[in-house]
């Protein structure tokens, strides 16, 4: 289950890089890619919740989950700008990416 979550988050992260590149160049990100990015993040969180509910996950999985959940909350904040047709603050984009990357790397550390 953890392997699937890491793959889903990894693919989502690639989309996130494209989205961030748009915003950092003062352009609106493609809406369809934003939705796909959000759906992949949600799917990854659901996989982690399933793993955590089973009760045999290492502590790093819980830490990674919390970080990725915080990143998801930041993603909702970023989406609110997109829906209002305003560019989000670049600092928020960078923080969202950094927290998500920390969560992803925490999960990946379980496999290493």
PDB file of N, CA and C in Angstrom:
ATOM      1  N   UNK A   1       0.822  -1.194   0.000  1.00  0.00           N
ATOM      2  CA  UNK A   1       0.000   0.000   0.000  1.00  0.00           C
ATOM      3  C   UNK A   1       0.868   1.261   0.000  1.00  0.00           C
ATOM      4  N   UNK A   2       1.949   1.214   0.789  1.00  0.00           N
ATOM      5  CA  UNK A   2       2.846   2.370   0.850  1.00  0.00           C
ATOM      6  C   UNK A   2       3.500   2.622  -0.504  1.00  0.00           C
ATOM      7  N   UNK A   3       3.866   1.560  -1.187  1.00  0.00           N
ATOM      8  CA  UNK A   3       4.475   1.720  -2.515  1.00  0.00           C
ATOM      9  C   UNK A   3       3.528   2.446  -3.468  1.00  0.00           C
ATOM     10  N   UNK A   4       2.257   2.065  -3.449  1.00  0.00           N
ATOM     11  CA  UNK A   4       1.272   2.716  -4.313  1.00  0.00           C
ATOM     12  C   UNK A   4       1.116   4.189  -3.946  1.00  0.00           C
ATOM     13  N   UNK A   5       1.078   4.467  -2.656  1.00  0.00           N
ATOM     14  CA  UNK A   5       0.942   5.863  -2.216  1.00  0.00           C
ATOM     15  C   UNK A   5       2.122   6.699  -2.693  1.00  0.00           C
ATOM     16  N   UNK A   6       3.314   6.144  -2.586  1.00  0.00           N
ATOM     17  CA  UNK A   6       4.508   6.885  -3.010  1.00  0.00           C
ATOM     18  C   UNK A   6       4.468   7.142  -4.513  1.00  0.00           C
ATOM     19  N   UNK A   7       4.041   6.164  -5.289  1.00  0.00           N
ATOM     20  CA  UNK A   7       3.940   6.354  -6.739  1.00  0.00           C
ATOM     21  C   UNK A   7       2.900   7.425  -7.065  1.00  0.00           C
ATOM     22  N   UNK A   8       1.747   7.366  -6.404  1.00  0.00           N
ATOM     23  CA  UNK A   8       0.684   8.343  -6.658  1.00  0.00           C
ATOM     24  C   UNK A   8       1.161   9.748  -6.296  1.00  0.00           C
ATOM     25  N   UNK A   9       1.798   9.886  -5.136  1.00  0.00           N
ATOM     26  CA  UNK A   9       2.314  11.201  -4.743  1.00  0.00           C
ATOM     27  C   UNK A   9       3.425  11.662  -5.688  1.00  0.00           C
ATOM     28  N   UNK A  10       4.241  10.733  -6.163  1.00  0.00           N
ATOM     29  CA  UNK A  10       5.310  11.092  -7.096  1.00  0.00           C
ATOM     30  C   UNK A  10       4.772  11.639  -8.406  1.00  0.00           C
ATOM     31  N   UNK A  11       3.756  10.989  -8.940  1.00  0.00           N
ATOM     32  CA  UNK A  11       3.138  11.475 -10.183  1.00  0.00           C
ATOM     33  C   UNK A  11       2.474  12.828  -9.932  1.00  0.00           C
ATOM     34  N   UNK A  12       1.806  12.938  -8.798  1.00  0.00           N
ATOM     35  CA  UNK A  12       1.186  14.211  -8.438  1.00  0.00           C
ATOM     36  C   UNK A  12       2.212  15.317  -8.295  1.00  0.00           C
ATOM     37  N   UNK A  13       3.371  14.978  -7.759  1.00  0.00           N
ATOM     38  CA  UNK A  13       4.437  15.972  -7.588  1.00  0.00           C
ATOM     39  C   UNK A  13       4.936  16.489  -8.935  1.00  0.00           C
ATOM     40  N   UNK A  14       4.996  15.620  -9.919  1.00  0.00           N
ATOM     41  CA  UNK A  14       5.413  16.071 -11.250  1.00  0.00           C
ATOM     42  C   UNK A  14       4.444  17.116 -11.790  1.00  0.00           C
ATOM     43  N   UNK A  15       3.164  16.868 -11.611  1.00  0.00           N
ATOM     44  CA  UNK A  15       2.168  17.863 -12.003  1.00  0.00           C
ATOM     45  C   UNK A  15       2.310  19.135 -11.195  1.00  0.00           C
ATOM     46  N   UNK A  16       2.619  18.984  -9.910  1.00  0.00           N
ATOM     47  CA  UNK A  16       2.818  20.138  -9.051  1.00  0.00           C
ATOM     48  C   UNK A  16       3.982  21.006  -9.495  1.00  0.00           C
ATOM     49  N   UNK A  17       5.028  20.384 -10.005  1.00  0.00           N
ATOM     50  CA  UNK A  17       6.173  21.155 -10.518  1.00  0.00           C
ATOM     51  C   UNK A  17       5.757  22.012 -11.705  1.00  0.00           C
ATOM     52  N   UNK A  18       4.941  21.441 -12.578  1.00  0.00           N
ATOM     53  CA  UNK A  18       4.456  22.203 -13.737  1.00  0.00           C
ATOM     54  C   UNK A  18       3.569  23.356 -13.267  1.00  0.00           C
ATOM     55  N   UNK A  19       2.685  23.075 -12.311  1.00  0.00           N
ATOM     56  CA  UNK A  19       1.807  24.116 -11.786  1.00  0.00           C
ATOM     57  C   UNK A  19       2.617  25.245 -11.148  1.00  0.00           C
ATOM     58  N   UNK A  20       3.590  24.872 -10.329  1.00  0.00           N
ATOM     59  CA  UNK A  20       4.410  25.880  -9.648  1.00  0.00           C
ATOM     60  C   UNK A  20       5.198  26.707 -10.656  1.00  0.00           C
ATOM     61  N   UNK A  21       5.701  26.062 -11.698  1.00  0.00           N
ATOM     62  CA  UNK A  21       6.461  26.797 -12.715  1.00  0.00           C
ATOM     63  C   UNK A  21       5.590  27.868 -13.371  1.00  0.00           C
ATOM     64  N   UNK A  22       4.331  27.547 -13.611  1.00  0.00           N
ATOM     65  CA  UNK A  22       3.417  28.545 -14.183  1.00  0.00           C
ATOM     66  C   UNK A  22       3.267  29.737 -13.244  1.00  0.00           C
ATOM     67  N   UNK A  23       2.956  29.442 -11.999  1.00  0.00           N
ATOM     68  CA  UNK A  23       2.699  30.522 -11.043  1.00  0.00           C
ATOM     69  C   UNK A  23       3.957  31.357 -10.814  1.00  0.00           C
ATOM     70  N   UNK A  24       5.105  30.709 -10.721  1.00  0.00           N
ATOM     71  CA  UNK A  24       6.349  31.448 -10.490  1.00  0.00           C
ATOM     72  C   UNK A  24       6.727  32.333 -11.679  1.00  0.00           C
ATOM     73  N   UNK A  25       6.158  32.041 -12.868  1.00  0.00           N
ATOM     74  CA  UNK A  25       6.358  32.894 -14.051  1.00  0.00           C
ATOM     75  C   UNK A  25       5.184  33.852 -14.252  1.00  0.00           C
ATOM     76  N   UNK A  26       4.381  34.017 -13.200  1.00  0.00           N
ATOM     77  CA  UNK A  26       3.225  34.918 -13.222  1.00  0.00           C
ATOM     78  C   UNK A  26       2.184  34.545 -14.272  1.00  0.00           C
ATOM     79  N   UNK A  27       1.969  33.241 -14.444  1.00  0.00           N
ATOM     80  CA  UNK A  27       0.949  32.747 -15.369  1.00  0.00           C
ATOM     81  C   UNK A  27      -0.023  31.865 -14.593  1.00  0.00           C
ATOM     82  N   UNK A  28      -1.237  31.795 -15.088  1.00  0.00           N
ATOM     83  CA  UNK A  28      -2.203  30.903 -14.471  1.00  0.00           C
ATOM     84  C   UNK A  28      -1.898  29.465 -14.860  1.00  0.00           C
ATOM     85  N   UNK A  29      -1.995  28.587 -13.886  1.00  0.00           N
ATOM     86  CA  UNK A  29      -1.766  27.172 -14.136  1.00  0.00           C
ATOM     87  C   UNK A  29      -2.993  26.585 -14.835  1.00  0.00           C
ATOM     88  N   UNK A  30      -2.794  25.556 -15.647  1.00  0.00           N
ATOM     89  CA  UNK A  30      -3.936  24.912 -16.308  1.00  0.00           C
ATOM     90  C   UNK A  30      -4.887  24.297 -15.274  1.00  0.00           C
ATOM     91  N   UNK A  31      -6.165  24.620 -15.396  1.00  0.00           N
ATOM     92  CA  UNK A  31      -7.152  24.157 -14.433  1.00  0.00           C
ATOM     93  C   UNK A  31      -7.218  22.624 -14.391  1.00  0.00           C
ATOM     94  N   UNK A  32      -7.195  21.983 -15.549  1.00  0.00           N
ATOM     95  CA  UNK A  32      -7.291  20.516 -15.592  1.00  0.00           C
ATOM     96  C   UNK A  32      -6.128  19.869 -14.851  1.00  0.00           C
ATOM     97  N   UNK A  33      -4.934  20.418 -14.992  1.00  0.00           N
ATOM     98  CA  UNK A  33      -3.780  19.872 -14.285  1.00  0.00           C
ATOM     99  C   UNK A  33      -3.908  20.113 -12.785  1.00  0.00           C
ATOM    100  N   UNK A  34      -4.469  21.243 -12.400  1.00  0.00           N
ATOM    101  CA  UNK A  34      -4.699  21.527 -10.979  1.00  0.00           C
ATOM    102  C   UNK A  34      -5.639  20.486 -10.374  1.00  0.00           C
ATOM    103  N   UNK A  35      -6.703  20.168 -11.099  1.00  0.00           N
ATOM    104  CA  UNK A  35      -7.668  19.179 -10.606  1.00  0.00           C
ATOM    105  C   UNK A  35      -7.018  17.800 -10.517  1.00  0.00           C
ATOM    106  N   UNK A  36      -6.262  17.420 -11.538  1.00  0.00           N
ATOM    107  CA  UNK A  36      -5.575  16.126 -11.517  1.00  0.00           C
ATOM    108  C   UNK A  36      -4.592  16.056 -10.348  1.00  0.00           C
ATOM    109  N   UNK A  37      -3.850  17.122 -10.134  1.00  0.00           N
ATOM    110  CA  UNK A  37      -2.898  17.211  -9.019  1.00  0.00           C
ATOM    111  C   UNK A  37      -3.636  17.001  -7.690  1.00  0.00           C
ATOM    112  N   UNK A  38      -4.772  17.654  -7.532  1.00  0.00           N
ATOM    113  CA  UNK A  38      -5.553  17.519  -6.301  1.00  0.00           C
ATOM    114  C   UNK A  38      -6.098  16.096  -6.136  1.00  0.00           C
ATOM    115  N   UNK A  39      -6.580  15.508  -7.221  1.00  0.00           N
ATOM    116  CA  UNK A  39      -7.122  14.149  -7.145  1.00  0.00           C
ATOM    117  C   UNK A  39      -6.043  13.131  -6.794  1.00  0.00           C
ATOM    118  N   UNK A  40      -4.860  13.306  -7.361  1.00  0.00           N
ATOM    119  CA  UNK A  40      -3.762  12.400  -7.025  1.00  0.00           C
ATOM    120  C   UNK A  40      -3.363  12.558  -5.553  1.00  0.00           C
ATOM    121  N   UNK A  41      -3.318  13.798  -5.086  1.00  0.00           N
ATOM    122  CA  UNK A  41      -3.014  14.029  -3.676  1.00  0.00           C
ATOM    123  C   UNK A  41      -4.058  13.395  -2.766  1.00  0.00           C
ATOM    124  N   UNK A  42      -5.321  13.542  -3.117  1.00  0.00           N
ATOM    125  CA  UNK A  42      -6.394  12.953  -2.319  1.00  0.00           C
ATOM    126  C   UNK A  42      -6.309  11.424  -2.330  1.00  0.00           C
ATOM    127  N   UNK A  43      -6.030  10.859  -3.492  1.00  0.00           N
ATOM    128  CA  UNK A  43      -5.902   9.392  -3.596  1.00  0.00           C
ATOM    129  C   UNK A  43      -4.744   8.906  -2.735  1.00  0.00           C
ATOM    130  N   UNK A  44      -3.623   9.623  -2.769  1.00  0.00           N
ATOM    131  CA  UNK A  44      -2.478   9.248  -1.938  1.00  0.00           C
ATOM    132  C   UNK A  44      -2.802   9.319  -0.456  1.00  0.00           C
ATOM    133  N   UNK A  45      -3.527  10.357  -0.048  1.00  0.00           N
ATOM    134  CA  UNK A  45      -3.920  10.474   1.362  1.00  0.00           C
ATOM    135  C   UNK A  45      -4.855   9.342   1.768  1.00  0.00           C
ATOM    136  N   UNK A  46      -5.759   8.960   0.888  1.00  0.00           N
ATOM    137  CA  UNK A  46      -6.670   7.842   1.186  1.00  0.00           C
ATOM    138  C   UNK A  46      -5.889   6.542   1.349  1.00  0.00           C
ATOM    139  N   UNK A  47      -4.906   6.338   0.489  1.00  0.00           N
ATOM    140  CA  UNK A  47      -4.063   5.140   0.630  1.00  0.00           C
ATOM    141  C   UNK A  47      -3.330   5.147   1.969  1.00  0.00           C
ATOM    142  N   UNK A  48      -2.827   6.309   2.368  1.00  0.00           N
ATOM    143  CA  UNK A  48      -2.126   6.398   3.657  1.00  0.00           C
ATOM    144  C   UNK A  48      -3.079   6.181   4.826  1.00  0.00           C
ATOM    145  N   UNK A  49      -4.275   6.721   4.736  1.00  0.00           N
ATOM    146  CA  UNK A  49      -5.255   6.508   5.805  1.00  0.00           C
ATOM    147  C   UNK A  49      -5.560   5.021   5.943  1.00  0.00           C
ATOM    148  N   UNK A  50      -5.723   4.348   4.808  1.00  0.00           N
ATOM    149  CA  UNK A  50      -5.984   2.906   4.826  1.00  0.00           C
ATOM    150  C   UNK A  50      -4.838   2.170   5.507  1.00  0.00           C
ATOM    151  N   UNK A  51      -3.628   2.551   5.191  1.00  0.00           N
ATOM    152  CA  UNK A  51      -2.453   1.927   5.793  1.00  0.00           C
ATOM    153  C   UNK A  51      -2.389   2.207   7.291  1.00  0.00           C
ATOM    154  N   UNK A  52      -2.670   3.431   7.683  1.00  0.00           N
ATOM    155  CA  UNK A  52      -2.612   3.802   9.096  1.00  0.00           C
ATOM    156  C   UNK A  52      -3.707   3.124   9.912  1.00  0.00           C
ATOM    157  N   UNK A  53      -4.884   2.953   9.330  1.00  0.00           N
ATOM    158  CA  UNK A  53      -5.995   2.311  10.040  1.00  0.00           C
ATOM    159  C   UNK A  53      -5.685   0.836  10.313  1.00  0.00           C
ATOM    160  N   UNK A  54      -4.911   0.231   9.438  1.00  0.00           N
ATOM    161  CA  UNK A  54      -4.530  -1.174   9.639  1.00  0.00           C
ATOM    162  C   UNK A  54      -3.655  -1.343  10.876  1.00  0.00           C
ATOM    163  N   UNK A  55      -3.003  -0.268  11.296  1.00  0.00           N
ATOM    164  CA  UNK A  55      -2.295  -0.276  12.568  1.00  0.00           C
ATOM    165  C   UNK A  55      -0.878  -0.795  12.575  1.00  0.00           C
ATOM    166  N   UNK A  56      -0.317  -1.140  11.453  1.00  0.00           N
ATOM    167  CA  UNK A  56       1.044  -1.684  11.457  1.00  0.00           C
ATOM    168  C   UNK A  56       2.033  -0.787  10.705  1.00  0.00           C
ATOM    169  N   UNK A  57       1.695   0.478  10.556  1.00  0.00           N
ATOM    170  CA  UNK A  57       2.557   1.399   9.802  1.00  0.00           C
ATOM    171  C   UNK A  57       3.643   1.972  10.716  1.00  0.00           C
ATOM    172  N   UNK A  58       4.847   2.145  10.187  1.00  0.00           N
ATOM    173  CA  UNK A  58       5.911   2.786  10.970  1.00  0.00           C
ATOM    174  C   UNK A  58       5.569   4.244  11.276  1.00  0.00           C
ATOM    175  N   UNK A  59       6.231   4.805  12.268  1.00  0.00           N
ATOM    176  CA  UNK A  59       5.995   6.184  12.700  1.00  0.00           C
ATOM    177  C   UNK A  59       6.214   7.177  11.552  1.00  0.00           C
ATOM    178  N   UNK A  60       7.164   6.898  10.650  1.00  0.00           N
ATOM    179  CA  UNK A  60       7.429   7.809   9.532  1.00  0.00           C
ATOM    180  C   UNK A  60       6.204   7.968   8.631  1.00  0.00           C
ATOM    181  N   UNK A  61       5.384   6.942   8.553  1.00  0.00           N
ATOM    182  CA  UNK A  61       4.176   7.031   7.722  1.00  0.00           C
ATOM    183  C   UNK A  61       3.222   8.053   8.329  1.00  0.00           C
ATOM    184  N   UNK A  62       3.071   8.037   9.639  1.00  0.00           N
ATOM    185  CA  UNK A  62       2.197   9.017  10.294  1.00  0.00           C
ATOM    186  C   UNK A  62       2.747  10.428  10.123  1.00  0.00           C
ATOM    187  N   UNK A  63       4.039  10.590  10.268  1.00  0.00           N
ATOM    188  CA  UNK A  63       4.657  11.912  10.096  1.00  0.00           C
ATOM    189  C   UNK A  63       4.472  12.389   8.655  1.00  0.00           C
ATOM    190  N   UNK A  64       4.747  11.516   7.693  1.00  0.00           N
ATOM    191  CA  UNK A  64       4.566  11.861   6.286  1.00  0.00           C
ATOM    192  C   UNK A  64       3.122  12.216   5.983  1.00  0.00           C
ATOM    193  N   UNK A  65       2.192  11.462   6.565  1.00  0.00           N
ATOM    194  CA  UNK A  65       0.769  11.736   6.371  1.00  0.00           C
ATOM    195  C   UNK A  65       0.408  13.127   6.877  1.00  0.00           C
ATOM    196  N   UNK A  66       0.864  13.461   8.075  1.00  0.00           N
ATOM    197  CA  UNK A  66       0.550  14.770   8.656  1.00  0.00           C
ATOM    198  C   UNK A  66       1.117  15.892   7.781  1.00  0.00           C
ATOM    199  N   UNK A  67       2.352  15.716   7.320  1.00  0.00           N
ATOM    200  CA  UNK A  67       2.953  16.739   6.448  1.00  0.00           C
ATOM    201  C   UNK A  67       2.164  16.882   5.147  1.00  0.00           C
ATOM    202  N   UNK A  68       1.793  15.761   4.562  1.00  0.00           N
ATOM    203  CA  UNK A  68       1.044  15.815   3.303  1.00  0.00           C
ATOM    204  C   UNK A  68      -0.369  16.349   3.512  1.00  0.00           C
ATOM    205  N   UNK A  69      -0.939  16.094   4.675  1.00  0.00           N
ATOM    206  CA  UNK A  69      -2.251  16.666   4.982  1.00  0.00           C
ATOM    207  C   UNK A  69      -2.152  18.188   5.109  1.00  0.00           C
ATOM    208  N   UNK A  70      -1.083  18.660   5.746  1.00  0.00           N
ATOM    209  CA  UNK A  70      -0.853  20.112   5.835  1.00  0.00           C
ATOM    210  C   UNK A  70      -0.652  20.705   4.440  1.00  0.00           C
ATOM    211  N   UNK A  71       0.085  19.989   3.601  1.00  0.00           N
ATOM    212  CA  UNK A  71       0.289  20.456   2.222  1.00  0.00           C
ATOM    213  C   UNK A  71      -1.045  20.516   1.480  1.00  0.00           C
ATOM    214  N   UNK A  72      -1.918  19.541   1.734  1.00  0.00           N
ATOM    215  CA  UNK A  72      -3.237  19.544   1.088  1.00  0.00           C
ATOM    216  C   UNK A  72      -4.049  20.761   1.520  1.00  0.00           C
ATOM    217  N   UNK A  73      -3.977  21.112   2.784  1.00  0.00           N
ATOM    218  CA  UNK A  73      -4.682  22.309   3.248  1.00  0.00           C
ATOM    219  C   UNK A  73      -4.141  23.551   2.540  1.00  0.00           C
ATOM    220  N   UNK A  74      -2.828  23.607   2.383  1.00  0.00           N
ATOM    221  CA  UNK A  74      -2.235  24.706   1.610  1.00  0.00           C
ATOM    222  C   UNK A  74      -2.693  24.674   0.163  1.00  0.00           C
ATOM    223  N   UNK A  75      -2.879  23.479  -0.374  1.00  0.00           N
ATOM    224  CA  UNK A  75      -3.367  23.338  -1.741  1.00  0.00           C
ATOM    225  C   UNK A  75      -4.780  23.873  -1.900  1.00  0.00           C
ATOM    226  N   UNK A  76      -5.626  23.655  -0.891  1.00  0.00           N
ATOM    227  CA  UNK A  76      -6.978  24.232  -0.936  1.00  0.00           C
ATOM    228  C   UNK A  76      -6.906  25.755  -0.953  1.00  0.00           C
ATOM    229  N   UNK A  77      -5.997  26.293  -0.155  1.00  0.00           N
ATOM    230  CA  UNK A  77      -5.812  27.749  -0.124  1.00  0.00           C
ATOM    231  C   UNK A  77      -5.372  28.256  -1.499  1.00  0.00           C
ATOM    232  N   UNK A  78      -4.428  27.542  -2.124  1.00  0.00           N
ATOM    233  CA  UNK A  78      -3.970  27.922  -3.463  1.00  0.00           C
ATOM    234  C   UNK A  78      -5.100  27.804  -4.484  1.00  0.00           C
ATOM    235  N   UNK A  79      -5.897  26.760  -4.371  1.00  0.00           N
ATOM    236  CA  UNK A  79      -7.025  26.582  -5.303  1.00  0.00           C
ATOM    237  C   UNK A  79      -8.041  27.716  -5.169  1.00  0.00           C
ATOM    238  N   UNK A  80      -8.160  28.261  -3.958  1.00  0.00           N
ATOM    239  CA  UNK A  80      -9.105  29.366  -3.772  1.00  0.00           C
ATOM    240  C   UNK A  80      -8.692  30.585  -4.603  1.00  0.00           C
ATOM    241  N   UNK A  81      -7.398  30.784  -4.765  1.00  0.00           N
ATOM    242  CA  UNK A  81      -6.925  31.878  -5.627  1.00  0.00           C
ATOM    243  C   UNK A  81      -7.260  31.577  -7.079  1.00  0.00           C
ATOM    244  N   UNK A  82      -7.033  30.337  -7.461  1.00  0.00           N
ATOM    245  CA  UNK A  82      -7.295  29.922  -8.838  1.00  0.00           C
ATOM    246  C   UNK A  82      -8.770  30.138  -9.184  1.00  0.00           C
ATOM    247  N   UNK A  83      -9.641  29.778  -8.254  1.00  0.00           N
ATOM    248  CA  UNK A  83     -11.084  29.920  -8.497  1.00  0.00           C
ATOM    249  C   UNK A  83     -11.499  31.391  -8.585  1.00  0.00           C
ATOM    250  N   UNK A  84     -10.749  32.263  -7.907  1.00  0.00           N
ATOM    251  CA  UNK A  84     -11.047  33.705  -7.962  1.00  0.00           C
ATOM    252  C   UNK A  84     -10.302  34.399  -9.098  1.00  0.00           C
ATOM    253  N   UNK A  85      -9.605  33.586  -9.912  1.00  0.00           N
ATOM    254  CA  UNK A  85      -8.839  34.096 -11.056  1.00  0.00           C
ATOM    255  C   UNK A  85      -7.776  35.114 -10.627  1.00  0.00           C
ATOM    256  N   UNK A  86      -7.101  34.786  -9.517  1.00  0.00           N
ATOM    257  CA  UNK A  86      -5.988  35.591  -9.019  1.00  0.00           C
ATOM    258  C   UNK A  86      -4.781  34.690  -8.877  1.00  0.00           C
ATOM    259  N   UNK A  87      -3.622  35.240  -9.128  1.00  0.00           N
ATOM    260  CA  UNK A  87      -2.398  34.473  -8.908  1.00  0.00           C
ATOM    261  C   UNK A  87      -2.136  34.384  -7.412  1.00  0.00           C
ATOM    262  N   UNK A  88      -1.787  33.197  -6.923  1.00  0.00           N
ATOM    263  CA  UNK A  88      -1.507  33.064  -5.487  1.00  0.00           C
ATOM    264  C   UNK A  88      -0.140  33.658  -5.149  1.00  0.00           C
ATOM    265  N   UNK A  89       0.079  33.959  -3.886  1.00  0.00           N
ATOM    266  CA  UNK A  89       1.407  34.440  -3.482  1.00  0.00           C
ATOM    267  C   UNK A  89       2.463  33.363  -3.739  1.00  0.00           C
ATOM    268  N   UNK A  90       3.565  33.776  -4.315  1.00  0.00           N
ATOM    269  CA  UNK A  90       4.629  32.817  -4.648  1.00  0.00           C
ATOM    270  C   UNK A  90       5.168  32.132  -3.402  1.00  0.00           C
ATOM    271  N   UNK A  91       5.213  32.860  -2.294  1.00  0.00           N
ATOM    272  CA  UNK A  91       5.712  32.268  -1.050  1.00  0.00           C
ATOM    273  C   UNK A  91       4.842  31.085  -0.620  1.00  0.00           C
ATOM    274  N   UNK A  92       3.542  31.196  -0.804  1.00  0.00           N
ATOM    275  CA  UNK A  92       2.640  30.105  -0.427  1.00  0.00           C
ATOM    276  C   UNK A  92       2.872  28.893  -1.333  1.00  0.00           C
ATOM    277  N   UNK A  93       3.118  29.152  -2.607  1.00  0.00           N
ATOM    278  CA  UNK A  93       3.414  28.055  -3.541  1.00  0.00           C
ATOM    279  C   UNK A  93       4.682  27.324  -3.104  1.00  0.00           C
ATOM    280  N   UNK A  94       5.700  28.075  -2.740  1.00  0.00           N
ATOM    281  CA  UNK A  94       6.979  27.478  -2.326  1.00  0.00           C
ATOM    282  C   UNK A  94       6.800  26.702  -1.021  1.00  0.00           C
ATOM    283  N   UNK A  95       6.059  27.264  -0.069  1.00  0.00           N
ATOM    284  CA  UNK A  95       5.833  26.568   1.204  1.00  0.00           C
ATOM    285  C   UNK A  95       5.031  25.291   0.976  1.00  0.00           C
ATOM    286  N   UNK A  96       3.995  25.367   0.142  1.00  0.00           N
ATOM    287  CA  UNK A  96       3.189  24.185  -0.186  1.00  0.00           C
ATOM    288  C   UNK A  96       4.085  23.088  -0.770  1.00  0.00           C
ATOM    289  N   UNK A  97       4.932  23.459  -1.699  1.00  0.00           N
ATOM    290  CA  UNK A  97       5.823  22.477  -2.337  1.00  0.00           C
ATOM    291  C   UNK A  97       6.822  21.905  -1.339  1.00  0.00           C
ATOM    292  N   UNK A  98       7.363  22.749  -0.480  1.00  0.00           N
ATOM    293  CA  UNK A  98       8.365  22.290   0.489  1.00  0.00           C
ATOM    294  C   UNK A  98       7.759  21.321   1.503  1.00  0.00           C
ATOM    295  N   UNK A  99       6.568  21.633   1.990  1.00  0.00           N
ATOM    296  CA  UNK A  99       5.912  20.749   2.961  1.00  0.00           C
ATOM    297  C   UNK A  99       5.549  19.417   2.292  1.00  0.00           C
ATOM    298  N   UNK A 100       5.042  19.485   1.070  1.00  0.00           N
ATOM    299  CA  UNK A 100       4.700  18.259   0.343  1.00  0.00           C
ATOM    300  C   UNK A 100       5.955  17.426   0.075  1.00  0.00           C
ATOM    301  N   UNK A 101       7.037  18.066  -0.307  1.00  0.00           N
ATOM    302  CA  UNK A 101       8.287  17.343  -0.560  1.00  0.00           C
ATOM    303  C   UNK A 101       8.801  16.692   0.727  1.00  0.00           C
ATOM    304  N   UNK A 102       8.698  17.399   1.840  1.00  0.00           N
ATOM    305  CA  UNK A 102       9.123  16.828   3.122  1.00  0.00           C
ATOM    306  C   UNK A 102       8.286  15.604   3.473  1.00  0.00           C
ATOM    307  N   UNK A 103       6.979  15.688   3.227  1.00  0.00           N
ATOM    308  CA  UNK A 103       6.113  14.541   3.478  1.00  0.00           C
ATOM    309  C   UNK A 103       6.433  13.367   2.576  1.00  0.00           C
ATOM    310  N   UNK A 104       6.649  13.662   1.310  1.00  0.00           N
ATOM    311  CA  UNK A 104       6.991  12.617   0.343  1.00  0.00           C
ATOM    312  C   UNK A 104       8.312  11.937   0.719  1.00  0.00           C
ATOM    313  N   UNK A 105       9.314  12.739   1.046  1.00  0.00           N
ATOM    314  CA  UNK A 105      10.622  12.173   1.413  1.00  0.00           C
ATOM    315  C   UNK A 105      10.554  11.386   2.718  1.00  0.00           C
ATOM    316  N   UNK A 106       9.703  11.822   3.629  1.00  0.00           N
ATOM    317  CA  UNK A 106       9.514  11.069   4.875  1.00  0.00           C
ATOM    318  C   UNK A 106       8.933   9.701   4.570  1.00  0.00           C
ATOM    319  N   UNK A 107       7.938   9.662   3.685  1.00  0.00           N
ATOM    320  CA  UNK A 107       7.376   8.363   3.283  1.00  0.00           C
ATOM    321  C   UNK A 107       8.420   7.500   2.580  1.00  0.00           C
ATOM    322  N   UNK A 108       9.160   8.120   1.670  1.00  0.00           N
ATOM    323  CA  UNK A 108      10.173   7.375   0.911  1.00  0.00           C
ATOM    324  C   UNK A 108      11.254   6.810   1.828  1.00  0.00           C
ATOM    325  N   UNK A 109      11.519   7.494   2.941  1.00  0.00           N
ATOM    326  CA  UNK A 109      12.560   7.012   3.870  1.00  0.00           C
ATOM    327  C   UNK A 109      12.197   5.662   4.477  1.00  0.00           C
ATOM    328  N   UNK A 110      10.926   5.325   4.502  1.00  0.00           N
ATOM    329  CA  UNK A 110      10.500   4.039   5.024  1.00  0.00           C
ATOM    330  C   UNK A 110      10.999   2.915   4.118  1.00  0.00           C
ATOM    331  N   UNK A 111      11.044   3.189   2.825  1.00  0.00           N
ATOM    332  CA  UNK A 111      11.451   2.160   1.864  1.00  0.00           C
ATOM    333  C   UNK A 111      12.970   2.023   1.743  1.00  0.00           C
ATOM    334  N   UNK A 112      13.678   3.053   2.173  1.00  0.00           N
ATOM    335  CA  UNK A 112      15.143   3.037   2.023  1.00  0.00           C
ATOM    336  C   UNK A 112      15.847   2.379   3.176  1.00  0.00           C
TER     337      UNK A 112
END
